[in-house]
Amino acid sequence: MPEGLSDDQAVSHAKDVLAKIYHFHPDMNPLSMKDGNVLVKYNHPAVNLVLDRVTSDNWKVIEARHLEALTTSEVLINPLGPKKFDAFGMKALFGRCFMFMDAQAPNVVRVVRRTV
């Protein structure tokens, strides 16, 4: 978030960014991390982290239902082809689902500022 915002402004900014992601085309750019987690970036300044241990614990459901994570009429094209996902892609879709769920009723729990 931009520097210098009050806590109330930071909360408003966070909700605005989430709304922009939710109400526009849901572009995502997943990145594989060294620890097995996946960082999902969006076309607005926000990310979500998909924990490897959570996906491992839920893998059978993720694998069976990952195509339900696509939005209406959405076709994602990747190196495997349209609507074809490897484990990495399934993890990214799983993470994006949480962003969509959060965006429907956003609730900021706390504001954490970076330390220099």
PDB file of N, CA and C in Angstrom:
ATOM      1  N   MET A   1       0.843  -1.171   0.000  1.00  0.00           N
ATOM      2  CA  MET A   1       0.000   0.000   0.000  1.00  0.00           C
ATOM      3  C   MET A   1       0.890   1.237   0.000  1.00  0.00           C
ATOM      4  N   PRO A   2       0.378   2.331  -0.451  1.00  0.00           N
ATOM      5  CA  PRO A   2       1.193   3.555  -0.454  1.00  0.00           C
ATOM      6  C   PRO A   2       1.610   3.964   0.955  1.00  0.00           C
ATOM      7  N   GLU A   3       2.780   4.558   1.049  1.00  0.00           N
ATOM      8  CA  GLU A   3       3.276   5.052   2.343  1.00  0.00           C
ATOM      9  C   GLU A   3       2.408   6.207   2.836  1.00  0.00           C
ATOM     10  N   GLY A   4       2.342   6.364   4.149  1.00  0.00           N
ATOM     11  CA  GLY A   4       1.702   7.533   4.745  1.00  0.00           C
ATOM     12  C   GLY A   4       0.204   7.445   4.944  1.00  0.00           C
ATOM     13  N   LEU A   5      -0.406   6.323   4.663  1.00  0.00           N
ATOM     14  CA  LEU A   5      -1.844   6.200   4.865  1.00  0.00           C
ATOM     15  C   LEU A   5      -2.144   5.948   6.335  1.00  0.00           C
ATOM     16  N   SER A   6      -3.219   6.539   6.811  1.00  0.00           N
ATOM     17  CA  SER A   6      -3.689   6.227   8.161  1.00  0.00           C
ATOM     18  C   SER A   6      -4.226   4.793   8.142  1.00  0.00           C
ATOM     19  N   ASP A   7      -4.517   4.235   9.304  1.00  0.00           N
ATOM     20  CA  ASP A   7      -5.072   2.883   9.356  1.00  0.00           C
ATOM     21  C   ASP A   7      -6.400   2.807   8.605  1.00  0.00           C
ATOM     22  N   ASP A   8      -7.258   3.806   8.781  1.00  0.00           N
ATOM     23  CA  ASP A   8      -8.546   3.806   8.073  1.00  0.00           C
ATOM     24  C   ASP A   8      -8.343   3.895   6.563  1.00  0.00           C
ATOM     25  N   GLN A   9      -7.401   4.715   6.126  1.00  0.00           N
ATOM     26  CA  GLN A   9      -7.105   4.834   4.699  1.00  0.00           C
ATOM     27  C   GLN A   9      -6.502   3.530   4.160  1.00  0.00           C
ATOM     28  N   ALA A  10      -5.674   2.880   4.960  1.00  0.00           N
ATOM     29  CA  ALA A  10      -5.073   1.614   4.551  1.00  0.00           C
ATOM     30  C   ALA A  10      -6.149   0.540   4.369  1.00  0.00           C
ATOM     31  N   VAL A  11      -7.102   0.496   5.274  1.00  0.00           N
ATOM     32  CA  VAL A  11      -8.212  -0.461   5.171  1.00  0.00           C
ATOM     33  C   VAL A  11      -9.024  -0.171   3.913  1.00  0.00           C
ATOM     34  N   SER A  12      -9.325   1.073   3.669  1.00  0.00           N
ATOM     35  CA  SER A  12     -10.073   1.465   2.479  1.00  0.00           C
ATOM     36  C   SER A  12      -9.308   1.100   1.206  1.00  0.00           C
ATOM     37  N   HIS A  13      -8.005   1.355   1.204  1.00  0.00           N
ATOM     38  CA  HIS A  13      -7.158   1.028   0.057  1.00  0.00           C
ATOM     39  C   HIS A  13      -7.162  -0.486  -0.200  1.00  0.00           C
ATOM     40  N   ALA A  14      -7.008  -1.283   0.842  1.00  0.00           N
ATOM     41  CA  ALA A  14      -6.987  -2.740   0.702  1.00  0.00           C
ATOM     42  C   ALA A  14      -8.302  -3.251   0.114  1.00  0.00           C
ATOM     43  N   LYS A  15      -9.411  -2.738   0.619  1.00  0.00           N
ATOM     44  CA  LYS A  15     -10.719  -3.167   0.114  1.00  0.00           C
ATOM     45  C   LYS A  15     -10.913  -2.737  -1.341  1.00  0.00           C
ATOM     46  N   ASP A  16     -10.418  -1.555  -1.687  1.00  0.00           N
ATOM     47  CA  ASP A  16     -10.527  -1.060  -3.055  1.00  0.00           C
ATOM     48  C   ASP A  16      -9.726  -1.940  -4.016  1.00  0.00           C
ATOM     49  N   VAL A  17      -8.515  -2.294  -3.642  1.00  0.00           N
ATOM     50  CA  VAL A  17      -7.682  -3.159  -4.491  1.00  0.00           C
ATOM     51  C   VAL A  17      -8.353  -4.515  -4.678  1.00  0.00           C
ATOM     52  N   LEU A  18      -8.866  -5.088  -3.615  1.00  0.00           N
ATOM     53  CA  LEU A  18      -9.536  -6.382  -3.697  1.00  0.00           C
ATOM     54  C   LEU A  18     -10.774  -6.299  -4.596  1.00  0.00           C
ATOM     55  N   ALA A  19     -11.528  -5.218  -4.487  1.00  0.00           N
ATOM     56  CA  ALA A  19     -12.711  -5.026  -5.336  1.00  0.00           C
ATOM     57  C   ALA A  19     -12.311  -4.908  -6.805  1.00  0.00           C
ATOM     58  N   LYS A  20     -11.214  -4.226  -7.076  1.00  0.00           N
ATOM     59  CA  LYS A  20     -10.761  -4.088  -8.468  1.00  0.00           C
ATOM     60  C   LYS A  20     -10.390  -5.445  -9.057  1.00  0.00           C
ATOM     61  N   ILE A  21      -9.736  -6.268  -8.290  1.00  0.00           N
ATOM     62  CA  ILE A  21      -9.375  -7.607  -8.770  1.00  0.00           C
ATOM     63  C   ILE A  21     -10.643  -8.421  -9.000  1.00  0.00           C
ATOM     64  N   TYR A  22     -11.552  -8.363  -8.067  1.00  0.00           N
ATOM     65  CA  TYR A  22     -12.771  -9.169  -8.110  1.00  0.00           C
ATOM     66  C   TYR A  22     -13.698  -8.757  -9.249  1.00  0.00           C
ATOM     67  N   HIS A  23     -13.814  -7.461  -9.522  1.00  0.00           N
ATOM     68  CA  HIS A  23     -14.786  -6.964 -10.489  1.00  0.00           C
ATOM     69  C   HIS A  23     -14.231  -6.782 -11.896  1.00  0.00           C
ATOM     70  N   PHE A  24     -12.961  -7.027 -12.094  1.00  0.00           N
ATOM     71  CA  PHE A  24     -12.376  -6.933 -13.416  1.00  0.00           C
ATOM     72  C   PHE A  24     -11.920  -8.323 -13.843  1.00  0.00           C
ATOM     73  N   HIS A  25     -11.306  -8.408 -14.991  1.00  0.00           N
ATOM     74  CA  HIS A  25     -10.815  -9.702 -15.469  1.00  0.00           C
ATOM     75  C   HIS A  25      -9.846 -10.274 -14.435  1.00  0.00           C
ATOM     76  N   PRO A  26     -10.034 -11.525 -14.044  1.00  0.00           N
ATOM     77  CA  PRO A  26      -9.241 -12.095 -12.946  1.00  0.00           C
ATOM     78  C   PRO A  26      -7.846 -12.584 -13.366  1.00  0.00           C
ATOM     79  N   ASP A  27      -7.066 -11.671 -13.955  1.00  0.00           N
ATOM     80  CA  ASP A  27      -5.701 -12.043 -14.335  1.00  0.00           C
ATOM     81  C   ASP A  27      -4.907 -12.451 -13.110  1.00  0.00           C
ATOM     82  N   MET A  28      -4.123 -13.488 -13.272  1.00  0.00           N
ATOM     83  CA  MET A  28      -3.255 -13.916 -12.184  1.00  0.00           C
ATOM     84  C   MET A  28      -1.922 -14.354 -12.762  1.00  0.00           C
ATOM     85  N   ASN A  29      -0.899 -14.224 -11.949  1.00  0.00           N
ATOM     86  CA  ASN A  29       0.445 -14.629 -12.334  1.00  0.00           C
ATOM     87  C   ASN A  29       1.033 -15.423 -11.170  1.00  0.00           C
ATOM     88  N   PRO A  30       0.889 -16.747 -11.199  1.00  0.00           N
ATOM     89  CA  PRO A  30       1.416 -17.552 -10.095  1.00  0.00           C
ATOM     90  C   PRO A  30       2.926 -17.750 -10.216  1.00  0.00           C
ATOM     91  N   LEU A  31       3.583 -17.720  -9.085  1.00  0.00           N
ATOM     92  CA  LEU A  31       5.028 -17.913  -9.036  1.00  0.00           C
ATOM     93  C   LEU A  31       5.356 -19.031  -8.067  1.00  0.00           C
ATOM     94  N   SER A  32       6.183 -19.958  -8.508  1.00  0.00           N
ATOM     95  CA  SER A  32       6.611 -21.057  -7.658  1.00  0.00           C
ATOM     96  C   SER A  32       7.699 -20.560  -6.712  1.00  0.00           C
ATOM     97  N   MET A  33       7.573 -20.914  -5.444  1.00  0.00           N
ATOM     98  CA  MET A  33       8.558 -20.503  -4.453  1.00  0.00           C
ATOM     99  C   MET A  33       9.445 -21.691  -4.089  1.00  0.00           C
ATOM    100  N   LYS A  34      10.638 -21.419  -3.611  1.00  0.00           N
ATOM    101  CA  LYS A  34      11.605 -22.470  -3.278  1.00  0.00           C
ATOM    102  C   LYS A  34      11.083 -23.431  -2.217  1.00  0.00           C
ATOM    103  N   ASP A  35      10.196 -22.964  -1.340  1.00  0.00           N
ATOM    104  CA  ASP A  35       9.686 -23.794  -0.247  1.00  0.00           C
ATOM    105  C   ASP A  35       8.468 -24.637  -0.640  1.00  0.00           C
ATOM    106  N   GLY A  36       8.093 -24.612  -1.928  1.00  0.00           N
ATOM    107  CA  GLY A  36       6.950 -25.387  -2.392  1.00  0.00           C
ATOM    108  C   GLY A  36       5.639 -24.624  -2.383  1.00  0.00           C
ATOM    109  N   ASN A  37       5.623 -23.462  -1.772  1.00  0.00           N
ATOM    110  CA  ASN A  37       4.430 -22.632  -1.765  1.00  0.00           C
ATOM    111  C   ASN A  37       4.280 -21.949  -3.122  1.00  0.00           C
ATOM    112  N   VAL A  38       3.099 -21.393  -3.385  1.00  0.00           N
ATOM    113  CA  VAL A  38       2.848 -20.668  -4.620  1.00  0.00           C
ATOM    114  C   VAL A  38       2.369 -19.270  -4.250  1.00  0.00           C
ATOM    115  N   LEU A  39       2.996 -18.262  -4.842  1.00  0.00           N
ATOM    116  CA  LEU A  39       2.584 -16.876  -4.651  1.00  0.00           C
ATOM    117  C   LEU A  39       1.766 -16.479  -5.871  1.00  0.00           C
ATOM    118  N   VAL A  40       0.529 -16.056  -5.663  1.00  0.00           N
ATOM    119  CA  VAL A  40      -0.341 -15.669  -6.767  1.00  0.00           C
ATOM    120  C   VAL A  40      -0.434 -14.146  -6.791  1.00  0.00           C
ATOM    121  N   LYS A  41       0.056 -13.556  -7.894  1.00  0.00           N
ATOM    122  CA  LYS A  41       0.019 -12.109  -8.077  1.00  0.00           C
ATOM    123  C   LYS A  41      -1.138 -11.770  -9.015  1.00  0.00           C
ATOM    124  N   TYR A  42      -1.667 -10.564  -8.869  1.00  0.00           N
ATOM    125  CA  TYR A  42      -2.789 -10.118  -9.684  1.00  0.00           C
ATOM    126  C   TYR A  42      -2.410  -8.844 -10.423  1.00  0.00           C
ATOM    127  N   ASN A  43      -3.317  -8.354 -11.282  1.00  0.00           N
ATOM    128  CA  ASN A  43      -3.019  -7.159 -12.067  1.00  0.00           C
ATOM    129  C   ASN A  43      -3.186  -5.874 -11.255  1.00  0.00           C
ATOM    130  N   HIS A  44      -3.452  -5.986  -9.987  1.00  0.00           N
ATOM    131  CA  HIS A  44      -3.470  -4.875  -9.036  1.00  0.00           C
ATOM    132  C   HIS A  44      -2.523  -5.267  -7.906  1.00  0.00           C
ATOM    133  N   PRO A  45      -2.073  -4.315  -7.092  1.00  0.00           N
ATOM    134  CA  PRO A  45      -1.037  -4.629  -6.098  1.00  0.00           C
ATOM    135  C   PRO A  45      -1.535  -5.479  -4.925  1.00  0.00           C
ATOM    136  N   ALA A  46      -1.701  -6.762  -5.201  1.00  0.00           N
ATOM    137  CA  ALA A  46      -2.123  -7.699  -4.165  1.00  0.00           C
ATOM    138  C   ALA A  46      -1.614  -9.083  -4.537  1.00  0.00           C
ATOM    139  N   VAL A  47      -1.394  -9.900  -3.526  1.00  0.00           N
ATOM    140  CA  VAL A  47      -0.961 -11.282  -3.725  1.00  0.00           C
ATOM    141  C   VAL A  47      -1.661 -12.157  -2.698  1.00  0.00           C
ATOM    142  N   ASN A  48      -1.691 -13.446  -2.971  1.00  0.00           N
ATOM    143  CA  ASN A  48      -2.034 -14.373  -1.910  1.00  0.00           C
ATOM    144  C   ASN A  48      -1.074 -15.544  -1.981  1.00  0.00           C
ATOM    145  N   LEU A  49      -0.870 -16.148  -0.839  1.00  0.00           N
ATOM    146  CA  LEU A  49       0.096 -17.215  -0.683  1.00  0.00           C
ATOM    147  C   LEU A  49      -0.646 -18.541  -0.522  1.00  0.00           C
ATOM    148  N   VAL A  50      -0.312 -19.501  -1.364  1.00  0.00           N
ATOM    149  CA  VAL A  50      -0.911 -20.827  -1.298  1.00  0.00           C
ATOM    150  C   VAL A  50       0.108 -21.734  -0.620  1.00  0.00           C
ATOM    151  N   LEU A  51      -0.205 -22.161   0.568  1.00  0.00           N
ATOM    152  CA  LEU A  51       0.720 -22.980   1.348  1.00  0.00           C
ATOM    153  C   LEU A  51       0.731 -24.425   0.864  1.00  0.00           C
ATOM    154  N   ASP A  52       1.924 -24.945   0.641  1.00  0.00           N
ATOM    155  CA  ASP A  52       2.095 -26.309   0.157  1.00  0.00           C
ATOM    156  C   ASP A  52       1.446 -27.325   1.100  1.00  0.00           C
ATOM    157  N   ARG A  53       1.573 -27.119   2.406  1.00  0.00           N
ATOM    158  CA  ARG A  53       0.993 -28.090   3.349  1.00  0.00           C
ATOM    159  C   ARG A  53      -0.532 -28.092   3.275  1.00  0.00           C
ATOM    160  N   VAL A  54      -1.145 -26.951   2.975  1.00  0.00           N
ATOM    161  CA  VAL A  54      -2.608 -26.897   2.842  1.00  0.00           C
ATOM    162  C   VAL A  54      -3.040 -27.614   1.570  1.00  0.00           C
ATOM    163  N   THR A  55      -2.313 -27.398   0.472  1.00  0.00           N
ATOM    164  CA  THR A  55      -2.678 -28.097  -0.760  1.00  0.00           C
ATOM    165  C   THR A  55      -2.439 -29.604  -0.625  1.00  0.00           C
ATOM    166  N   SER A  56      -1.374 -29.987   0.063  1.00  0.00           N
ATOM    167  CA  SER A  56      -1.114 -31.417   0.279  1.00  0.00           C
ATOM    168  C   SER A  56      -2.243 -32.062   1.067  1.00  0.00           C
ATOM    169  N   ASP A  57      -2.712 -31.363   2.100  1.00  0.00           N
ATOM    170  CA  ASP A  57      -3.801 -31.891   2.935  1.00  0.00           C
ATOM    171  C   ASP A  57      -5.122 -32.002   2.184  1.00  0.00           C
ATOM    172  N   ASN A  58      -5.281 -31.210   1.116  1.00  0.00           N
ATOM    173  CA  ASN A  58      -6.553 -31.155   0.385  1.00  0.00           C
ATOM    174  C   ASN A  58      -6.409 -31.589  -1.071  1.00  0.00           C
ATOM    175  N   TRP A  59      -5.320 -32.280  -1.392  1.00  0.00           N
ATOM    176  CA  TRP A  59      -4.981 -32.533  -2.788  1.00  0.00           C
ATOM    177  C   TRP A  59      -6.049 -33.301  -3.564  1.00  0.00           C
ATOM    178  N   LYS A  60      -6.639 -34.320  -2.996  1.00  0.00           N
ATOM    179  CA  LYS A  60      -7.628 -35.109  -3.745  1.00  0.00           C
ATOM    180  C   LYS A  60      -8.806 -34.245  -4.181  1.00  0.00           C
ATOM    181  N   VAL A  61      -9.273 -33.374  -3.315  1.00  0.00           N
ATOM    182  CA  VAL A  61     -10.394 -32.488  -3.651  1.00  0.00           C
ATOM    183  C   VAL A  61      -9.953 -31.453  -4.685  1.00  0.00           C
ATOM    184  N   ILE A  62      -8.774 -30.881  -4.508  1.00  0.00           N
ATOM    185  CA  ILE A  62      -8.265 -29.889  -5.463  1.00  0.00           C
ATOM    186  C   ILE A  62      -8.148 -30.512  -6.848  1.00  0.00           C
ATOM    187  N   GLU A  63      -7.566 -31.689  -6.914  1.00  0.00           N
ATOM    188  CA  GLU A  63      -7.368 -32.366  -8.196  1.00  0.00           C
ATOM    189  C   GLU A  63      -8.708 -32.692  -8.869  1.00  0.00           C
ATOM    190  N   ALA A  64      -9.675 -33.130  -8.092  1.00  0.00           N
ATOM    191  CA  ALA A  64     -10.978 -33.520  -8.638  1.00  0.00           C
ATOM    192  C   ALA A  64     -11.832 -32.326  -9.055  1.00  0.00           C
ATOM    193  N   ARG A  65     -11.658 -31.182  -8.369  1.00  0.00           N
ATOM    194  CA  ARG A  65     -12.587 -30.065  -8.568  1.00  0.00           C
ATOM    195  C   ARG A  65     -11.938 -28.779  -9.075  1.00  0.00           C
ATOM    196  N   HIS A  66     -10.687 -28.814  -9.497  1.00  0.00           N
ATOM    197  CA  HIS A  66      -9.987 -27.582  -9.848  1.00  0.00           C
ATOM    198  C   HIS A  66     -10.652 -26.790 -10.978  1.00  0.00           C
ATOM    199  N   LEU A  67     -11.316 -27.445 -11.917  1.00  0.00           N
ATOM    200  CA  LEU A  67     -11.952 -26.708 -13.012  1.00  0.00           C
ATOM    201  C   LEU A  67     -13.139 -25.879 -12.539  1.00  0.00           C
ATOM    202  N   GLU A  68     -13.696 -26.200 -11.374  1.00  0.00           N
ATOM    203  CA  GLU A  68     -14.771 -25.385 -10.811  1.00  0.00           C
ATOM    204  C   GLU A  68     -14.258 -24.018 -10.378  1.00  0.00           C
ATOM    205  N   ALA A  69     -12.946 -23.859 -10.313  1.00  0.00           N
ATOM    206  CA  ALA A  69     -12.352 -22.585  -9.910  1.00  0.00           C
ATOM    207  C   ALA A  69     -12.323 -21.577 -11.041  1.00  0.00           C
ATOM    208  N   LEU A  70     -12.633 -21.995 -12.250  1.00  0.00           N
ATOM    209  CA  LEU A  70     -12.674 -21.059 -13.373  1.00  0.00           C
ATOM    210  C   LEU A  70     -13.951 -20.235 -13.297  1.00  0.00           C
ATOM    211  N   THR A  71     -13.851 -18.971 -13.672  1.00  0.00           N
ATOM    212  CA  THR A  71     -15.036 -18.124 -13.689  1.00  0.00           C
ATOM    213  C   THR A  71     -15.873 -18.452 -14.922  1.00  0.00           C
ATOM    214  N   THR A  72     -17.096 -17.966 -14.962  1.00  0.00           N
ATOM    215  CA  THR A  72     -18.000 -18.236 -16.068  1.00  0.00           C
ATOM    216  C   THR A  72     -17.344 -17.880 -17.397  1.00  0.00           C
ATOM    217  N   SER A  73     -17.358 -18.800 -18.322  1.00  0.00           N
ATOM    218  CA  SER A  73     -16.811 -18.631 -19.681  1.00  0.00           C
ATOM    219  C   SER A  73     -15.309 -18.369 -19.719  1.00  0.00           C
ATOM    220  N   GLU A  74     -14.616 -18.569 -18.617  1.00  0.00           N
ATOM    221  CA  GLU A  74     -13.173 -18.323 -18.590  1.00  0.00           C
ATOM    222  C   GLU A  74     -12.428 -19.510 -19.202  1.00  0.00           C
ATOM    223  N   VAL A  75     -11.459 -19.197 -20.026  1.00  0.00           N
ATOM    224  CA  VAL A  75     -10.566 -20.209 -20.569  1.00  0.00           C
ATOM    225  C   VAL A  75      -9.145 -19.728 -20.295  1.00  0.00           C
ATOM    226  N   LEU A  76      -8.438 -20.446 -19.455  1.00  0.00           N
ATOM    227  CA  LEU A  76      -7.039 -20.123 -19.195  1.00  0.00           C
ATOM    228  C   LEU A  76      -6.183 -20.996 -20.100  1.00  0.00           C
ATOM    229  N   ILE A  77      -5.259 -20.350 -20.787  1.00  0.00           N
ATOM    230  CA  ILE A  77      -4.377 -21.064 -21.702  1.00  0.00           C
ATOM    231  C   ILE A  77      -2.973 -21.042 -21.123  1.00  0.00           C
ATOM    232  N   ASN A  78      -2.388 -22.207 -21.014  1.00  0.00           N
ATOM    233  CA  ASN A  78      -1.030 -22.323 -20.500  1.00  0.00           C
ATOM    234  C   ASN A  78      -0.285 -23.313 -21.394  1.00  0.00           C
ATOM    235  N   PRO A  79       0.969 -23.613 -21.100  1.00  0.00           N
ATOM    236  CA  PRO A  79       1.733 -24.502 -21.983  1.00  0.00           C
ATOM    237  C   PRO A  79       1.100 -25.881 -22.222  1.00  0.00           C
ATOM    238  N   LEU A  80       0.260 -26.352 -21.313  1.00  0.00           N
ATOM    239  CA  LEU A  80      -0.396 -27.649 -21.492  1.00  0.00           C
ATOM    240  C   LEU A  80      -1.603 -27.566 -22.412  1.00  0.00           C
ATOM    241  N   GLY A  81      -2.091 -26.340 -22.663  1.00  0.00           N
ATOM    242  CA  GLY A  81      -3.261 -26.130 -23.506  1.00  0.00           C
ATOM    243  C   GLY A  81      -4.378 -25.457 -22.741  1.00  0.00           C
ATOM    244  N   PRO A  82      -5.482 -25.144 -23.432  1.00  0.00           N
ATOM    245  CA  PRO A  82      -6.608 -24.482 -22.777  1.00  0.00           C
ATOM    246  C   PRO A  82      -7.256 -25.369 -21.712  1.00  0.00           C
ATOM    247  N   LYS A  83      -7.440 -24.807 -20.551  1.00  0.00           N
ATOM    248  CA  LYS A  83      -8.091 -25.487 -19.424  1.00  0.00           C
ATOM    249  C   LYS A  83      -7.392 -26.783 -19.024  1.00  0.00           C
ATOM    250  N   LYS A  84      -6.097 -26.854 -19.242  1.00  0.00           N
ATOM    251  CA  LYS A  84      -5.295 -28.018 -18.824  1.00  0.00           C
ATOM    252  C   LYS A  84      -4.335 -27.541 -17.744  1.00  0.00           C
ATOM    253  N   PHE A  85      -4.344 -28.208 -16.600  1.00  0.00           N
ATOM    254  CA  PHE A  85      -3.560 -27.736 -15.474  1.00  0.00           C
ATOM    255  C   PHE A  85      -2.729 -28.841 -14.860  1.00  0.00           C
ATOM    256  N   ASP A  86      -1.471 -28.531 -14.612  1.00  0.00           N
ATOM    257  CA  ASP A  86      -0.614 -29.417 -13.842  1.00  0.00           C
ATOM    258  C   ASP A  86      -0.816 -29.075 -12.368  1.00  0.00           C
ATOM    259  N   ALA A  87      -0.059 -29.707 -11.486  1.00  0.00           N
ATOM    260  CA  ALA A  87      -0.220 -29.471 -10.045  1.00  0.00           C
ATOM    261  C   ALA A  87      -0.017 -27.999  -9.699  1.00  0.00           C
ATOM    262  N   PHE A  88       0.974 -27.359 -10.308  1.00  0.00           N
ATOM    263  CA  PHE A  88       1.233 -25.945 -10.048  1.00  0.00           C
ATOM    264  C   PHE A  88       0.014 -25.089 -10.409  1.00  0.00           C
ATOM    265  N   GLY A  89      -0.564 -25.340 -11.580  1.00  0.00           N
ATOM    266  CA  GLY A  89      -1.737 -24.584 -12.009  1.00  0.00           C
ATOM    267  C   GLY A  89      -2.941 -24.821 -11.118  1.00  0.00           C
ATOM    268  N   MET A  90      -3.105 -26.057 -10.659  1.00  0.00           N
ATOM    269  CA  MET A  90      -4.214 -26.374  -9.752  1.00  0.00           C
ATOM    270  C   MET A  90      -4.045 -25.647  -8.423  1.00  0.00           C
ATOM    271  N   LYS A  91      -2.807 -25.571  -7.940  1.00  0.00           N
ATOM    272  CA  LYS A  91      -2.541 -24.839  -6.696  1.00  0.00           C
ATOM    273  C   LYS A  91      -2.859 -23.364  -6.867  1.00  0.00           C
ATOM    274  N   ALA A  92      -2.492 -22.794  -8.020  1.00  0.00           N
ATOM    275  CA  ALA A  92      -2.769 -21.379  -8.279  1.00  0.00           C
ATOM    276  C   ALA A  92      -4.269 -21.109  -8.302  1.00  0.00           C
ATOM    277  N   LEU A  93      -5.033 -21.978  -8.960  1.00  0.00           N
ATOM    278  CA  LEU A  93      -6.494 -21.820  -8.986  1.00  0.00           C
ATOM    279  C   LEU A  93      -7.080 -21.932  -7.582  1.00  0.00           C
ATOM    280  N   PHE A  94      -6.567 -22.856  -6.801  1.00  0.00           N
ATOM    281  CA  PHE A  94      -7.008 -23.026  -5.415  1.00  0.00           C
ATOM    282  C   PHE A  94      -6.793 -21.725  -4.634  1.00  0.00           C
ATOM    283  N   GLY A  95      -5.624 -21.128  -4.794  1.00  0.00           N
ATOM    284  CA  GLY A  95      -5.338 -19.872  -4.116  1.00  0.00           C
ATOM    285  C   GLY A  95      -6.236 -18.741  -4.574  1.00  0.00           C
ATOM    286  N   ARG A  96      -6.487 -18.694  -5.879  1.00  0.00           N
ATOM    287  CA  ARG A  96      -7.351 -17.630  -6.406  1.00  0.00           C
ATOM    288  C   ARG A  96      -8.765 -17.750  -5.855  1.00  0.00           C
ATOM    289  N   CYS A  97      -9.214 -18.967  -5.590  1.00  0.00           N
ATOM    290  CA  CYS A  97     -10.541 -19.164  -4.996  1.00  0.00           C
ATOM    291  C   CYS A  97     -10.661 -18.436  -3.660  1.00  0.00           C
ATOM    292  N   PHE A  98      -9.596 -18.494  -2.862  1.00  0.00           N
ATOM    293  CA  PHE A  98      -9.628 -17.813  -1.572  1.00  0.00           C
ATOM    294  C   PHE A  98      -9.708 -16.305  -1.752  1.00  0.00           C
ATOM    295  N   MET A  99      -9.019 -15.770  -2.766  1.00  0.00           N
ATOM    296  CA  MET A  99      -9.109 -14.341  -3.037  1.00  0.00           C
ATOM    297  C   MET A  99     -10.550 -13.983  -3.395  1.00  0.00           C
ATOM    298  N   PHE A 100     -11.181 -14.796  -4.253  1.00  0.00           N
ATOM    299  CA  PHE A 100     -12.564 -14.530  -4.636  1.00  0.00           C
ATOM    300  C   PHE A 100     -13.499 -14.598  -3.437  1.00  0.00           C
ATOM    301  N   MET A 101     -13.303 -15.575  -2.576  1.00  0.00           N
ATOM    302  CA  MET A 101     -14.158 -15.690  -1.380  1.00  0.00           C
ATOM    303  C   MET A 101     -13.962 -14.489  -0.463  1.00  0.00           C
ATOM    304  N   ASP A 102     -12.723 -14.079  -0.261  1.00  0.00           N
ATOM    305  CA  ASP A 102     -12.450 -12.917   0.588  1.00  0.00           C
ATOM    306  C   ASP A 102     -13.040 -11.646  -0.005  1.00  0.00           C
ATOM    307  N   ALA A 103     -12.988 -11.509  -1.314  1.00  0.00           N
ATOM    308  CA  ALA A 103     -13.454 -10.290  -1.969  1.00  0.00           C
ATOM    309  C   ALA A 103     -14.967 -10.104  -1.869  1.00  0.00           C
ATOM    310  N   GLN A 104     -15.691 -11.176  -1.656  1.00  0.00           N
ATOM    311  CA  GLN A 104     -17.144 -11.068  -1.558  1.00  0.00           C
ATOM    312  C   GLN A 104     -17.588 -10.370  -0.280  1.00  0.00           C
ATOM    313  N   ALA A 105     -16.826 -10.501   0.772  1.00  0.00           N
ATOM    314  CA  ALA A 105     -17.149  -9.851   2.047  1.00  0.00           C
ATOM    315  C   ALA A 105     -15.830  -9.527   2.760  1.00  0.00           C
ATOM    316  N   PRO A 106     -15.098  -8.539   2.238  1.00  0.00           N
ATOM    317  CA  PRO A 106     -13.768  -8.263   2.802  1.00  0.00           C
ATOM    318  C   PRO A 106     -13.836  -7.765   4.243  1.00  0.00           C
ATOM    319  N   ASN A 107     -12.911  -8.277   5.031  1.00  0.00           N
ATOM    320  CA  ASN A 107     -12.801  -7.885   6.427  1.00  0.00           C
ATOM    321  C   ASN A 107     -11.316  -7.762   6.756  1.00  0.00           C
ATOM    322  N   VAL A 108     -10.864  -6.567   6.986  1.00  0.00           N
ATOM    323  CA  VAL A 108      -9.463  -6.349   7.324  1.00  0.00           C
ATOM    324  C   VAL A 108      -9.290  -6.621   8.809  1.00  0.00           C
ATOM    325  N   VAL A 109      -8.463  -7.580   9.125  1.00  0.00           N
ATOM    326  CA  VAL A 109      -8.248  -7.990  10.507  1.00  0.00           C
ATOM    327  C   VAL A 109      -7.248  -7.068  11.191  1.00  0.00           C
ATOM    328  N   ARG A 110      -6.180  -6.720  10.472  1.00  0.00           N
ATOM    329  CA  ARG A 110      -5.198  -5.796  11.029  1.00  0.00           C
ATOM    330  C   ARG A 110      -4.380  -5.195   9.896  1.00  0.00           C
ATOM    331  N   VAL A 111      -3.780  -4.085  10.175  1.00  0.00           N
ATOM    332  CA  VAL A 111      -2.897  -3.412   9.222  1.00  0.00           C
ATOM    333  C   VAL A 111      -1.472  -3.659   9.709  1.00  0.00           C
ATOM    334  N   VAL A 112      -0.668  -4.227   8.838  1.00  0.00           N
ATOM    335  CA  VAL A 112       0.735  -4.501   9.168  1.00  0.00           C
ATOM    336  C   VAL A 112       1.584  -3.671   8.224  1.00  0.00           C
ATOM    337  N   ARG A 113       2.446  -2.885   8.796  1.00  0.00           N
ATOM    338  CA  ARG A 113       3.305  -2.021   7.988  1.00  0.00           C
ATOM    339  C   ARG A 113       4.704  -2.599   7.918  1.00  0.00           C
ATOM    340  N   ARG A 114       5.352  -2.398   6.807  1.00  0.00           N
ATOM    341  CA  ARG A 114       6.717  -2.899   6.688  1.00  0.00           C
ATOM    342  C   ARG A 114       7.647  -2.111   7.580  1.00  0.00           C
ATOM    343  N   THR A 115       8.671  -2.781   8.031  1.00  0.00           N
ATOM    344  CA  THR A 115       9.677  -2.109   8.841  1.00  0.00           C
ATOM    345  C   THR A 115      10.901  -1.891   7.964  1.00  0.00           C
ATOM    346  N   VAL A 116      11.550  -0.803   8.193  1.00  0.00           N
ATOM    347  CA  VAL A 116      12.701  -0.464   7.360  1.00  0.00           C
ATOM    348  C   VAL A 116      13.993  -0.808   8.091  1.00  0.00           C
TER     349      VAL A 116
END
